[in-house]
Amino acid sequence: MADSTGNVSLCTFPSNKFEALAMLYMQQQNLAGMSPEQILDRYQEVYGKMRDHERMKGQVNY
């Protein structure tokens, strides 16, 4: 979608290493019997743990 200046902004997934790694992790999990809400909560938990881990190491690059 173009903004008022005509610049186009593309949003892609994954947009960073945390999204990519969280999705790879989730693909290896047994999600049978989980609701969409539970899957979302688990993805966000995994994503957050990865970011927190790098933040604690002082290595976060966004």
Protein backbone atom coordinates (compact mmCIF):
# COMPACT_ATOMS: atom_id res chain seq x y z
CA MET A 1 0.00 0.00 0.00
CA ALA A 2 1.32 3.44 -0.91
CA ASP A 3 1.43 6.32 1.57
CA SER A 4 0.65 9.96 0.75
CA THR A 5 4.12 10.45 -0.74
CA GLY A 6 3.77 7.46 -3.05
CA ASN A 7 6.21 5.28 -1.10
CA VAL A 8 5.25 1.64 -0.91
CA SER A 9 5.74 -0.26 2.33
CA LEU A 10 5.85 -4.04 2.11
CA CYS A 11 5.28 -6.19 5.16
CA THR A 12 6.72 -9.66 4.95
CA PHE A 13 6.75 -12.64 7.26
CA PRO A 14 9.07 -13.36 8.84
CA SER A 15 10.30 -9.86 9.32
CA ASN A 16 13.07 -10.79 11.76
CA LYS A 17 14.98 -13.76 13.11
CA PHE A 18 12.72 -14.08 16.16
CA GLU A 19 9.62 -14.55 14.00
CA ALA A 20 11.44 -17.06 11.81
CA LEU A 21 12.80 -19.09 14.71
CA ALA A 22 9.51 -19.03 16.62
CA MET A 23 7.70 -20.35 13.53
CA LEU A 24 10.30 -23.06 12.99
CA TYR A 25 9.90 -24.09 16.61
CA MET A 26 6.11 -24.13 16.35
CA GLN A 27 6.25 -26.27 13.21
CA GLN A 28 7.98 -28.97 15.25
CA GLN A 29 5.32 -29.00 17.99
CA ASN A 30 2.26 -31.20 18.23
CA LEU A 31 -0.53 -28.65 17.97
CA ALA A 32 -3.32 -31.24 17.77
CA GLY A 33 -6.14 -30.39 20.12
CA MET A 34 -4.98 -26.81 20.63
CA SER A 35 -7.32 -23.94 19.84
CA PRO A 36 -6.16 -21.10 17.58
CA GLU A 37 -5.98 -18.92 20.69
CA GLN A 38 -3.72 -21.44 22.45
CA ILE A 39 -1.47 -21.67 19.40
CA LEU A 40 -1.20 -17.88 19.26
CA ASP A 41 -0.40 -17.71 22.97
CA ARG A 42 2.29 -20.39 22.58
CA TYR A 43 3.85 -18.62 19.57
CA GLN A 44 3.96 -15.33 21.46
CA GLU A 45 5.47 -17.07 24.49
CA VAL A 46 8.21 -18.66 22.37
CA TYR A 47 8.87 -15.39 20.51
CA GLY A 48 9.11 -13.49 23.80
CA LYS A 49 11.48 -16.01 25.35
CA MET A 50 13.82 -15.74 22.38
CA ARG A 51 13.87 -11.95 22.48
CA ASP A 52 14.30 -11.91 26.26
CA HIS A 53 17.17 -14.37 25.99
CA GLU A 54 19.05 -12.17 23.52
CA ARG A 55 18.22 -9.02 25.45
CA MET A 56 19.76 -10.56 28.58
CA LYS A 57 22.88 -11.37 26.57
CA GLY A 58 23.00 -7.80 25.27
CA GLN A 59 22.80 -8.94 21.67
CA VAL A 60 19.46 -7.64 20.45
CA ASN A 61 19.60 -6.25 16.91
CA TYR A 62 16.28 -5.19 15.43
